[in-house]
């Protein structure tokens, strides 16, 4: 069964650098947003020029790029979407991810033959919905995050064999149903369903009794208040067999606003876990502690299995803070090497004599010492304090081009 099950690992990308990192570190496909009409307006997103470069790069590696156009569209958006789809027709992404039925019909008309996927924003919770979208011409439907693995398996049994199921298996969880939230719009005027979410689910809340104005009471017994909407992050690295055997075709990671280090860490860890399971389930199970250790090296808010094994409880929330756990810091990527000097664009400060780690796409982590640092003029530096500064670094163990350099935080 497993040999015939082509499971896709799908990673997010906020820009061209992150897209290339995702591909190099194990993604089968990436999903990206253009400068309009996707649900991550605050992300850097892709210009049409960078989108074309990213698609060409992915295709060189035999990988795919999906473009999101999954806003809840208003009348004022339709003419712009029509123009946008006309431009995408020439760029040739591998699929579009859409939630709005009207936008779906526009895509069919403007880009005939384009593979179309239905976003989780469309609230896809039953096999009748999947079959509806299949009849309209959709190739894939992204399941709602509220579904259990048992429900997904039942959907798999009741839809055409060539219809694909895509499911989030890692990343931030939204407090609202299928990500359709009104809190951001209510508090700030920025609509989450139009790509401008301010993440009010991460804010601290109190209650106030109406006859006692100004007297704020914590919702939970805690002197600091409570973050009542703040969910733990989804992580299914320990449950790859259940995920794959449920019939899911594409394993999706959340995070189109994440760094290259986050994407590389998650992509590499899930890639190794999936490949190990496909080879030998015992091999996979013997390495679960290694996967858990590696996945914890990127930023996260504690972990949960979400709705996959049934309804959630108070244990899936974080009540006392809204901060990330951050075990490793991203220092940069090796752009090129000349006479043992590695050219990098600095992302966080580090110093001569620091012990840092080379993160390789094949799964190896190699400790190395920073021997010397030079600026673009060749002047020696003790450290590199300026963000995105062009630097040249000599390491005691030389990395390779495109290796990621990180340090334990």
Foldseek 3Di string as FASTA:
>chain_A
DLVPFQAFEEEEALFLLLLLLLLLQAGQEYEFEDCFQALAVVGNTDHLVRLLVSQVSQVVVPHFYEYENAFPDDPVCVVVLLVVLLSVLVSDGQEYEYADPVSVVSNCVNNPPRAYEYALLNAAQALVVVQVVVVVPHQEYEHWLQDALVRLLVSCVRHDVRRAYEYEQWWFDFLDTSQQDCVQCVPPVQGSSRNRRPPLLQDFAFDDDPVGPPDTHAPDPDPQHWSQSAFWIGHCLVPVVSVVVSPHRYHYYDDNRDDSVLSSLVNNLSSVLNVQCSVPVVSNNVCSVVSVVSNLQAKTRDYDNRDHPHHDDPVRHGIPHNGIDHFKFFQFFFAAADPQWTKTFGAAKDFAQDWKWWQHSNGDIDIKGFHWKAAPVRDTDGMDHDHRGTMITHIPDGDHGGITIMHTD
